[in-house]
C-alpha atoms as a PDB file:
ATOM      1  CA  UNK A   1     111.419  70.204 110.745  1.00  0.00           C
ATOM      2  CA  UNK A   2     108.981  70.720 113.650  1.00  0.00           C
ATOM      3  CA  UNK A   3     108.901  68.740 116.864  1.00  0.00           C
ATOM      4  CA  UNK A   4     107.348  65.417 115.875  1.00  0.00           C
ATOM      5  CA  UNK A   5     105.496  65.263 119.205  1.00  0.00           C
ATOM      6  CA  UNK A   6     103.915  68.684 118.821  1.00  0.00           C
ATOM      7  CA  UNK A   7     100.792  68.470 116.642  1.00  0.00           C
ATOM      8  CA  UNK A   8     100.416  72.248 116.363  1.00  0.00           C
ATOM      9  CA  UNK A   9     104.018  72.650 115.172  1.00  0.00           C
ATOM     10  CA  UNK A  10     103.601  69.931 112.558  1.00  0.00           C
ATOM     11  CA  UNK A  11     100.321  71.373 111.328  1.00  0.00           C
ATOM     12  CA  UNK A  12     101.854  74.838 110.954  1.00  0.00           C
ATOM     13  CA  UNK A  13     104.901  73.391 109.179  1.00  0.00           C
ATOM     14  CA  UNK A  14     102.924  71.450 106.585  1.00  0.00           C
ATOM     15  CA  UNK A  15     100.596  74.397 106.041  1.00  0.00           C
ATOM     16  CA  UNK A  16     103.591  76.272 104.634  1.00  0.00           C
ATOM     17  CA  UNK A  17     104.469  73.505 102.197  1.00  0.00           C
ATOM     18  CA  UNK A  18     103.586  73.456  98.491  1.00  0.00           C
ATOM     19  CA  UNK A  19     104.094  70.226  96.545  1.00  0.00           C
ATOM     20  CA  UNK A  20     105.321  70.828  93.008  1.00  0.00           C
ATOM     21  CA  UNK A  21     105.288  68.025  90.449  1.00  0.00           C
ATOM     22  CA  UNK A  22     106.695  67.387  86.986  1.00  0.00           C
ATOM     23  CA  UNK A  23     110.335  66.934  86.028  1.00  0.00           C
ATOM     24  CA  UNK A  24     111.002  70.382  84.576  1.00  0.00           C
ATOM     25  CA  UNK A  25     109.089  72.187  87.329  1.00  0.00           C
ATOM     26  CA  UNK A  26     110.985  70.360  90.079  1.00  0.00           C
ATOM     27  CA  UNK A  27     114.332  70.924  88.390  1.00  0.00           C
ATOM     28  CA  UNK A  28     113.639  74.666  88.098  1.00  0.00           C
ATOM     29  CA  UNK A  29     112.781  74.831  91.795  1.00  0.00           C
ATOM     30  CA  UNK A  30     115.960  73.007  92.794  1.00  0.00           C
ATOM     31  CA  UNK A  31     118.052  75.325  90.611  1.00  0.00           C
ATOM     32  CA  UNK A  32     116.734  78.341  92.528  1.00  0.00           C
ATOM     33  CA  UNK A  33     118.935  78.502  95.615  1.00  0.00           C
ATOM     34  CA  UNK A  34     116.615  81.055  97.244  1.00  0.00           C
ATOM     35  CA  UNK A  35     113.839  78.462  97.564  1.00  0.00           C
ATOM     36  CA  UNK A  36     113.829  76.043 100.474  1.00  0.00           C
ATOM     37  CA  UNK A  37     113.000  72.451  99.555  1.00  0.00           C
ATOM     38  CA  UNK A  38     112.007  69.984 102.279  1.00  0.00           C
ATOM     39  CA  UNK A  39     112.152  66.779 100.195  1.00  0.00           C
ATOM     40  CA  UNK A  40     112.248  65.421  96.653  1.00  0.00           C
ATOM     41  CA  UNK A  41     110.031  62.445  95.822  1.00  0.00           C
ATOM     42  CA  UNK A  42     110.838  60.044  92.972  1.00  0.00           C
ATOM     43  CA  UNK A  43     108.993  57.031  91.613  1.00  0.00           C
ATOM     44  CA  UNK A  44     111.166  53.927  91.860  1.00  0.00           C
ATOM     45  CA  UNK A  45     109.998  52.956  88.370  1.00  0.00           C
ATOM     46  CA  UNK A  46     111.420  56.110  86.753  1.00  0.00           C
ATOM     47  CA  UNK A  47     113.590  55.540  83.699  1.00  0.00           C
ATOM     48  CA  UNK A  48     116.942  57.251  83.990  1.00  0.00           C
ATOM     49  CA  UNK A  49     117.368  60.387  81.907  1.00  0.00           C
ATOM     50  CA  UNK A  50     119.294  63.658  82.042  1.00  0.00           C
ATOM     51  CA  UNK A  51     116.667  65.535  84.052  1.00  0.00           C
ATOM     52  CA  UNK A  52     116.332  62.789  86.667  1.00  0.00           C
ATOM     53  CA  UNK A  53     120.131  62.730  87.013  1.00  0.00           C
ATOM     54  CA  UNK A  54     120.181  66.525  87.436  1.00  0.00           C
ATOM     55  CA  UNK A  55     117.383  66.456  90.002  1.00  0.00           C
ATOM     56  CA  UNK A  56     119.153  63.832  92.085  1.00  0.00           C
ATOM     57  CA  UNK A  57     122.523  65.571  91.715  1.00  0.00           C
ATOM     58  CA  UNK A  58     121.264  68.988  92.827  1.00  0.00           C
ATOM     59  CA  UNK A  59     119.263  67.460  95.683  1.00  0.00           C
ATOM     60  CA  UNK A  60     122.359  65.706  97.006  1.00  0.00           C
ATOM     61  CA  UNK A  61     124.485  68.823  96.542  1.00  0.00           C
ATOM     62  CA  UNK A  62     121.934  70.897  98.497  1.00  0.00           C
ATOM     63  CA  UNK A  63     121.525  68.091 101.067  1.00  0.00           C
ATOM     64  CA  UNK A  64     117.817  67.761 100.350  1.00  0.00           C
ATOM     65  CA  UNK A  65     116.186  64.490 101.349  1.00  0.00           C
ATOM     66  CA  UNK A  66     115.539  62.127  98.409  1.00  0.00           C
ATOM     67  CA  UNK A  67     112.649  59.713  98.853  1.00  0.00           C
ATOM     68  CA  UNK A  68     111.727  56.834  96.528  1.00  0.00           C
ATOM     69  CA  UNK A  69     108.171  55.571  96.269  1.00  0.00           C
ATOM     70  CA  UNK A  70     105.996  53.197  94.313  1.00  0.00           C
ATOM     71  CA  UNK A  71     104.135  54.815  91.426  1.00  0.00           C
ATOM     72  CA  UNK A  72     100.877  54.717  93.404  1.00  0.00           C
ATOM     73  CA  UNK A  73     102.482  56.310  96.460  1.00  0.00           C
ATOM     74  CA  UNK A  74     103.955  59.113  94.379  1.00  0.00           C
ATOM     75  CA  UNK A  75     100.555  59.780  92.796  1.00  0.00           C
ATOM     76  CA  UNK A  76      99.114  60.245  96.275  1.00  0.00           C
ATOM     77  CA  UNK A  77     101.866  62.743  97.097  1.00  0.00           C
ATOM     78  CA  UNK A  78     101.537  64.736  93.873  1.00  0.00           C
ATOM     79  CA  UNK A  79      97.739  64.361  93.711  1.00  0.00           C
ATOM     80  CA  UNK A  80      98.109  64.161  89.938  1.00  0.00           C
ATOM     81  CA  UNK A  81      99.451  60.786  88.898  1.00  0.00           C
ATOM     82  CA  UNK A  82      98.713  61.443  85.213  1.00  0.00           C
ATOM     83  CA  UNK A  83     100.979  64.466  84.968  1.00  0.00           C
ATOM     84  CA  UNK A  84     103.599  64.204  87.716  1.00  0.00           C
ATOM     85  CA  UNK A  85     106.108  62.339  85.483  1.00  0.00           C
ATOM     86  CA  UNK A  86     107.283  60.382  88.509  1.00  0.00           C
ATOM     87  CA  UNK A  87     108.717  63.436  90.297  1.00  0.00           C
ATOM     88  CA  UNK A  88     107.501  65.790  93.054  1.00  0.00           C
ATOM     89  CA  UNK A  89     109.090  68.171  95.542  1.00  0.00           C
ATOM     90  CA  UNK A  90     107.919  69.781  98.778  1.00  0.00           C
ATOM     91  CA  UNK A  91     108.709  73.508  98.779  1.00  0.00           C
ATOM     92  CA  UNK A  92     108.644  75.554 101.986  1.00  0.00           C
ATOM     93  CA  UNK A  93     106.720  78.795 101.387  1.00  0.00           C
ATOM     94  CA  UNK A  94     107.335  80.964 104.469  1.00  0.00           C
ATOM     95  CA  UNK A  95     104.361  83.260 103.881  1.00  0.00           C
ATOM     96  CA  UNK A  96     101.744  80.496 103.578  1.00  0.00           C
ATOM     97  CA  UNK A  97      99.472  80.436 106.641  1.00  0.00           C
ATOM     98  CA  UNK A  98      95.919  79.835 107.787  1.00  0.00           C
ATOM     99  CA  UNK A  99      93.721  82.876 107.257  1.00  0.00           C
ATOM    100  CA  UNK A 100      92.573  83.030 110.867  1.00  0.00           C
ATOM    101  CA  UNK A 101      96.094  82.657 112.271  1.00  0.00           C
ATOM    102  CA  UNK A 102      97.448  85.371 109.965  1.00  0.00           C
ATOM    103  CA  UNK A 103      94.655  87.766 110.896  1.00  0.00           C
ATOM    104  CA  UNK A 104      95.112  87.053 114.607  1.00  0.00           C
ATOM    105  CA  UNK A 105      98.834  87.812 114.358  1.00  0.00           C
ATOM    106  CA  UNK A 106      98.382  91.038 112.375  1.00  0.00           C
ATOM    107  CA  UNK A 107      95.179  92.490 113.803  1.00  0.00           C
ATOM    108  CA  UNK A 108      96.955  95.006 116.060  1.00  0.00           C
ATOM    109  CA  UNK A 109      99.323  96.169 113.315  1.00  0.00           C
ATOM    110  CA  UNK A 110      98.936  98.514 110.339  1.00  0.00           C
ATOM    111  CA  UNK A 111      95.731  98.322 108.307  1.00  0.00           C
ATOM    112  CA  UNK A 112      95.567  95.094 106.291  1.00  0.00           C
ATOM    113  CA  UNK A 113      94.541  94.899 102.655  1.00  0.00           C
ATOM    114  CA  UNK A 114      93.483  91.361 101.764  1.00  0.00           C
ATOM    115  CA  UNK A 115      92.072  89.674  98.687  1.00  0.00           C
ATOM    116  CA  UNK A 116      89.587  86.807  99.051  1.00  0.00           C
ATOM    117  CA  UNK A 117      88.841  84.390  96.218  1.00  0.00           C
ATOM    118  CA  UNK A 118      85.247  83.256  95.715  1.00  0.00           C
ATOM    119  CA  UNK A 119      85.252  80.641  92.962  1.00  0.00           C
ATOM    120  CA  UNK A 120      88.254  81.675  90.834  1.00  0.00           C
ATOM    121  CA  UNK A 121      88.507  78.429  88.867  1.00  0.00           C
ATOM    122  CA  UNK A 122      90.856  79.327  86.014  1.00  0.00           C
ATOM    123  CA  UNK A 123      94.459  78.468  87.034  1.00  0.00           C
ATOM    124  CA  UNK A 124      95.938  81.170  84.806  1.00  0.00           C
ATOM    125  CA  UNK A 125      93.708  83.813  86.366  1.00  0.00           C
ATOM    126  CA  UNK A 126      94.689  82.639  89.835  1.00  0.00           C
ATOM    127  CA  UNK A 127      98.376  82.776  88.954  1.00  0.00           C
ATOM    128  CA  UNK A 128      98.068  86.308  87.590  1.00  0.00           C
ATOM    129  CA  UNK A 129      96.119  87.389  90.678  1.00  0.00           C
ATOM    130  CA  UNK A 130      98.922  86.060  92.872  1.00  0.00           C
ATOM    131  CA  UNK A 131     101.535  87.873  90.792  1.00  0.00           C
ATOM    132  CA  UNK A 132      99.688  91.211  90.974  1.00  0.00           C
ATOM    133  CA  UNK A 133      99.008  90.835  94.695  1.00  0.00           C
ATOM    134  CA  UNK A 134     102.651  90.016  95.429  1.00  0.00           C
ATOM    135  CA  UNK A 135     103.808  93.026  93.442  1.00  0.00           C
ATOM    136  CA  UNK A 136     101.185  95.425  94.764  1.00  0.00           C
ATOM    137  CA  UNK A 137      99.896  96.527  98.146  1.00  0.00           C
ATOM    138  CA  UNK A 138      98.151  93.303  99.209  1.00  0.00           C
ATOM    139  CA  UNK A 139      99.069  91.727 102.535  1.00  0.00           C
ATOM    140  CA  UNK A 140      97.408  88.350 101.988  1.00  0.00           C
ATOM    141  CA  UNK A 141      95.306  86.279  99.578  1.00  0.00           C
ATOM    142  CA  UNK A 142      92.548  84.217 101.217  1.00  0.00           C
ATOM    143  CA  UNK A 143      92.391  81.007  99.167  1.00  0.00           C
ATOM    144  CA  UNK A 144      89.604  78.612 100.226  1.00  0.00           C
ATOM    145  CA  UNK A 145      90.370  74.951  99.632  1.00  0.00           C
ATOM    146  CA  UNK A 146      87.048  74.374  97.891  1.00  0.00           C
ATOM    147  CA  UNK A 147      85.677  76.148  94.833  1.00  0.00           C
ATOM    148  CA  UNK A 148      88.936  77.690  93.595  1.00  0.00           C
ATOM    149  CA  UNK A 149      91.715  76.445  91.327  1.00  0.00           C
ATOM    150  CA  UNK A 150      94.317  74.413  93.204  1.00  0.00           C
ATOM    151  CA  UNK A 151      97.921  75.594  93.398  1.00  0.00           C
ATOM    152  CA  UNK A 152      99.262  73.459  90.556  1.00  0.00           C
ATOM    153  CA  UNK A 153     101.716  73.906  87.660  1.00  0.00           C
ATOM    154  CA  UNK A 154      99.508  76.260  85.608  1.00  0.00           C
ATOM    155  CA  UNK A 155      99.063  78.561  88.602  1.00  0.00           C
ATOM    156  CA  UNK A 156     102.780  78.462  89.366  1.00  0.00           C
ATOM    157  CA  UNK A 157     103.664  79.287  85.749  1.00  0.00           C
ATOM    158  CA  UNK A 158     101.131  82.126  85.494  1.00  0.00           C
ATOM    159  CA  UNK A 159     102.397  83.580  88.772  1.00  0.00           C
ATOM    160  CA  UNK A 160     105.923  83.683  87.289  1.00  0.00           C
ATOM    161  CA  UNK A 161     107.190  81.944  90.428  1.00  0.00           C
ATOM    162  CA  UNK A 162     105.842  84.596  92.805  1.00  0.00           C
ATOM    163  CA  UNK A 163     103.581  82.011  94.442  1.00  0.00           C
ATOM    164  CA  UNK A 164     106.540  80.684  96.462  1.00  0.00           C
ATOM    165  CA  UNK A 165     106.842  84.037  98.233  1.00  0.00           C
ATOM    166  CA  UNK A 166     103.218  85.204  98.153  1.00  0.00           C
ATOM    167  CA  UNK A 167     101.153  85.430 101.361  1.00  0.00           C
ATOM    168  CA  UNK A 168      98.667  82.635 100.576  1.00  0.00           C
ATOM    169  CA  UNK A 169      96.157  82.234 103.400  1.00  0.00           C
ATOM    170  CA  UNK A 170      94.313  78.924 103.510  1.00  0.00           C
ATOM    171  CA  UNK A 171      90.791  78.305 104.788  1.00  0.00           C
ATOM    172  CA  UNK A 172      88.080  75.691 104.351  1.00  0.00           C
ATOM    173  CA  UNK A 173      85.071  77.987 104.123  1.00  0.00           C
ATOM    174  CA  UNK A 174      85.235  81.510 102.734  1.00  0.00           C
ATOM    175  CA  UNK A 175      81.924  82.454 104.357  1.00  0.00           C
ATOM    176  CA  UNK A 176      83.113  81.342 107.796  1.00  0.00           C
ATOM    177  CA  UNK A 177      86.427  83.146 107.372  1.00  0.00           C
ATOM    178  CA  UNK A 178      84.743  86.384 106.299  1.00  0.00           C
ATOM    179  CA  UNK A 179      82.377  86.156 109.261  1.00  0.00           C
ATOM    180  CA  UNK A 180      85.442  85.771 111.485  1.00  0.00           C
ATOM    181  CA  UNK A 181      86.932  88.862 109.826  1.00  0.00           C
ATOM    182  CA  UNK A 182      83.791  90.879 110.477  1.00  0.00           C
ATOM    183  CA  UNK A 183      83.794  89.815 114.124  1.00  0.00           C
ATOM    184  CA  UNK A 184      87.285  91.330 114.328  1.00  0.00           C
ATOM    185  CA  UNK A 185      86.090  94.616 112.819  1.00  0.00           C
ATOM    186  CA  UNK A 186      87.454  93.985 109.314  1.00  0.00           C
ATOM    187  CA  UNK A 187      85.404  95.481 106.478  1.00  0.00           C
ATOM    188  CA  UNK A 188      84.269  93.150 103.676  1.00  0.00           C
ATOM    189  CA  UNK A 189      84.088  94.643 100.184  1.00  0.00           C
ATOM    190  CA  UNK A 190      82.556  92.800  97.238  1.00  0.00           C
ATOM    191  CA  UNK A 191      83.563  93.740  93.684  1.00  0.00           C
ATOM    192  CA  UNK A 192      80.397  94.166  91.628  1.00  0.00           C
ATOM    193  CA  UNK A 193      80.084  95.866  88.247  1.00  0.00           C
ATOM    194  CA  UNK A 194      76.660  97.267  89.214  1.00  0.00           C
ATOM    195  CA  UNK A 195      77.797  98.873  92.490  1.00  0.00           C
ATOM    196  CA  UNK A 196      77.292 102.634  92.858  1.00  0.00           C
ATOM    197  CA  UNK A 197      80.549 103.241  94.739  1.00  0.00           C
ATOM    198  CA  UNK A 198      83.774 103.242  92.741  1.00  0.00           C
ATOM    199  CA  UNK A 199      86.813 101.314  93.945  1.00  0.00           C
ATOM    200  CA  UNK A 200      88.800 104.494  93.371  1.00  0.00           C
ATOM    201  CA  UNK A 201      86.600 106.558  95.710  1.00  0.00           C
ATOM    202  CA  UNK A 202      86.504 104.078  98.575  1.00  0.00           C
ATOM    203  CA  UNK A 203      88.515 104.854 101.721  1.00  0.00           C
ATOM    204  CA  UNK A 204      88.284 102.160 104.409  1.00  0.00           C
ATOM    205  CA  UNK A 205      89.090 103.281 107.935  1.00  0.00           C
ATOM    206  CA  UNK A 206      90.943 100.111 108.933  1.00  0.00           C
ATOM    207  CA  UNK A 207      91.494  96.522 107.845  1.00  0.00           C
ATOM    208  CA  UNK A 208      89.686  95.477 104.663  1.00  0.00           C
ATOM    209  CA  UNK A 209      89.065  92.345 102.561  1.00  0.00           C
ATOM    210  CA  UNK A 210      88.260  92.685  98.849  1.00  0.00           C
ATOM    211  CA  UNK A 211      86.339  89.695  97.483  1.00  0.00           C
ATOM    212  CA  UNK A 212      86.913  88.620  93.870  1.00  0.00           C
ATOM    213  CA  UNK A 213      84.281  86.379  92.302  1.00  0.00           C
ATOM    214  CA  UNK A 214      83.971  83.633  89.735  1.00  0.00           C
ATOM    215  CA  UNK A 215      84.982  84.358  86.125  1.00  0.00           C
ATOM    216  CA  UNK A 216      81.436  84.058  84.778  1.00  0.00           C
ATOM    217  CA  UNK A 217      79.088  84.366  87.775  1.00  0.00           C
ATOM    218  CA  UNK A 218      80.947  86.918  89.880  1.00  0.00           C
ATOM    219  CA  UNK A 219      80.716  86.916  93.670  1.00  0.00           C
ATOM    220  CA  UNK A 220      78.292  84.290  94.962  1.00  0.00           C
ATOM    221  CA  UNK A 221      74.982  85.248  96.567  1.00  0.00           C
ATOM    222  CA  UNK A 222      76.091  83.933  99.970  1.00  0.00           C
ATOM    223  CA  UNK A 223      79.230  86.067  99.979  1.00  0.00           C
ATOM    224  CA  UNK A 224      77.459  89.134  98.590  1.00  0.00           C
ATOM    225  CA  UNK A 225      75.119  88.890 101.544  1.00  0.00           C
ATOM    226  CA  UNK A 226      78.078  89.232 103.919  1.00  0.00           C
ATOM    227  CA  UNK A 227      79.594  92.287 102.245  1.00  0.00           C
ATOM    228  CA  UNK A 228      79.599  95.600 104.086  1.00  0.00           C
ATOM    229  CA  UNK A 229      80.253  97.479 100.853  1.00  0.00           C
ATOM    230  CA  UNK A 230      80.031  96.756  97.123  1.00  0.00           C
ATOM    231  CA  UNK A 231      82.471  98.451  94.789  1.00  0.00           C
ATOM    232  CA  UNK A 232      82.670  98.835  91.032  1.00  0.00           C
ATOM    233  CA  UNK A 233      85.319  99.817  88.527  1.00  0.00           C
ATOM    234  CA  UNK A 234      84.166 102.608  86.170  1.00  0.00           C
ATOM    235  CA  UNK A 235      83.883 101.438  82.542  1.00  0.00           C
ATOM    236  CA  UNK A 236      83.827 103.229  79.214  1.00  0.00           C
ATOM    237  CA  UNK A 237      82.786 102.316  75.676  1.00  0.00           C
ATOM    238  CA  UNK A 238      80.103  99.866  76.735  1.00  0.00           C
ATOM    239  CA  UNK A 239      82.480  97.419  78.429  1.00  0.00           C
ATOM    240  CA  UNK A 240      80.523  95.562  81.113  1.00  0.00           C
ATOM    241  CA  UNK A 241      83.282  93.979  83.206  1.00  0.00           C
ATOM    242  CA  UNK A 242      86.973  93.166  83.443  1.00  0.00           C
ATOM    243  CA  UNK A 243      88.807  89.874  83.759  1.00  0.00           C
ATOM    244  CA  UNK A 244      89.108  88.940  87.451  1.00  0.00           C
ATOM    245  CA  UNK A 245      92.906  89.034  87.282  1.00  0.00           C
ATOM    246  CA  UNK A 246      92.826  92.562  85.867  1.00  0.00           C
ATOM    247  CA  UNK A 247      90.465  93.595  88.653  1.00  0.00           C
ATOM    248  CA  UNK A 248      92.861  92.128  91.210  1.00  0.00           C
ATOM    249  CA  UNK A 249      95.678  94.169  89.706  1.00  0.00           C
ATOM    250  CA  UNK A 250      93.689  97.391  90.037  1.00  0.00           C
ATOM    251  CA  UNK A 251      92.889  96.640  93.671  1.00  0.00           C
ATOM    252  CA  UNK A 252      96.505  95.713  94.411  1.00  0.00           C
ATOM    253  CA  UNK A 253      98.053  98.813  92.878  1.00  0.00           C
ATOM    254  CA  UNK A 254      95.477 101.471  93.670  1.00  0.00           C
ATOM    255  CA  UNK A 255      96.845 102.031  97.178  1.00  0.00           C
ATOM    256  CA  UNK A 256     100.415 102.205  95.905  1.00  0.00           C
ATOM    257  CA  UNK A 257      99.374 104.997  93.575  1.00  0.00           C
ATOM    258  CA  UNK A 258      97.542 106.791  96.369  1.00  0.00           C
ATOM    259  CA  UNK A 259      94.245 106.586  94.467  1.00  0.00           C
ATOM    260  CA  UNK A 260      92.289 104.594  97.042  1.00  0.00           C
ATOM    261  CA  UNK A 261      92.372 102.308 100.082  1.00  0.00           C
END
């Protein structure tokens, strides 16, 4: 736990925390000894059952703080009172950070390959993007707080648990963050089916951010206007576009295969 008198330390600490809710989801997290849990939150009105007993037992065994709350208080913690089942847990995700802080820390190092999400609203797509990025050659995923799916149970499930170890980089405004990237000499690439340059032919000279757009509308006009380069994925048989999660997978693995980036 950070120094309670140091605002910057506390802000950085809570930035790395992901609150998981739901009895089964929390139990699965507690059963994974590789995950660090800051606290378990329980509604005082919970009816006793096997899962609640297991959650409390494992928390005590692992010396994790147990906190009891009113139902309304727990709903504020989980941010989903209808589905939290009276249980939530705060998980410490060491690779969560603010986008600007991450970039500042890594700017002088090897060339970064980042994904940026511009309106990815489907939780399953977001989870699969996270899974592909974690497995492939992506150093960070810029996840704006507005306009994208939140990091809830569907995202966690679709990511197959990789979200806890993925480099998720938070920001309030994607446009402002990309402008900050450009000011630091980082290239901005927008994925666009109509672009003349293929993803597989593109060779950035240094750091680069690849922007993935909304499932139906693609990259927004504002973000397209910031892009230094637009890239496409070659299609055959009259196929117009790919699912955004599939596109993310191609971006993530193309450098590993030596085909681009």
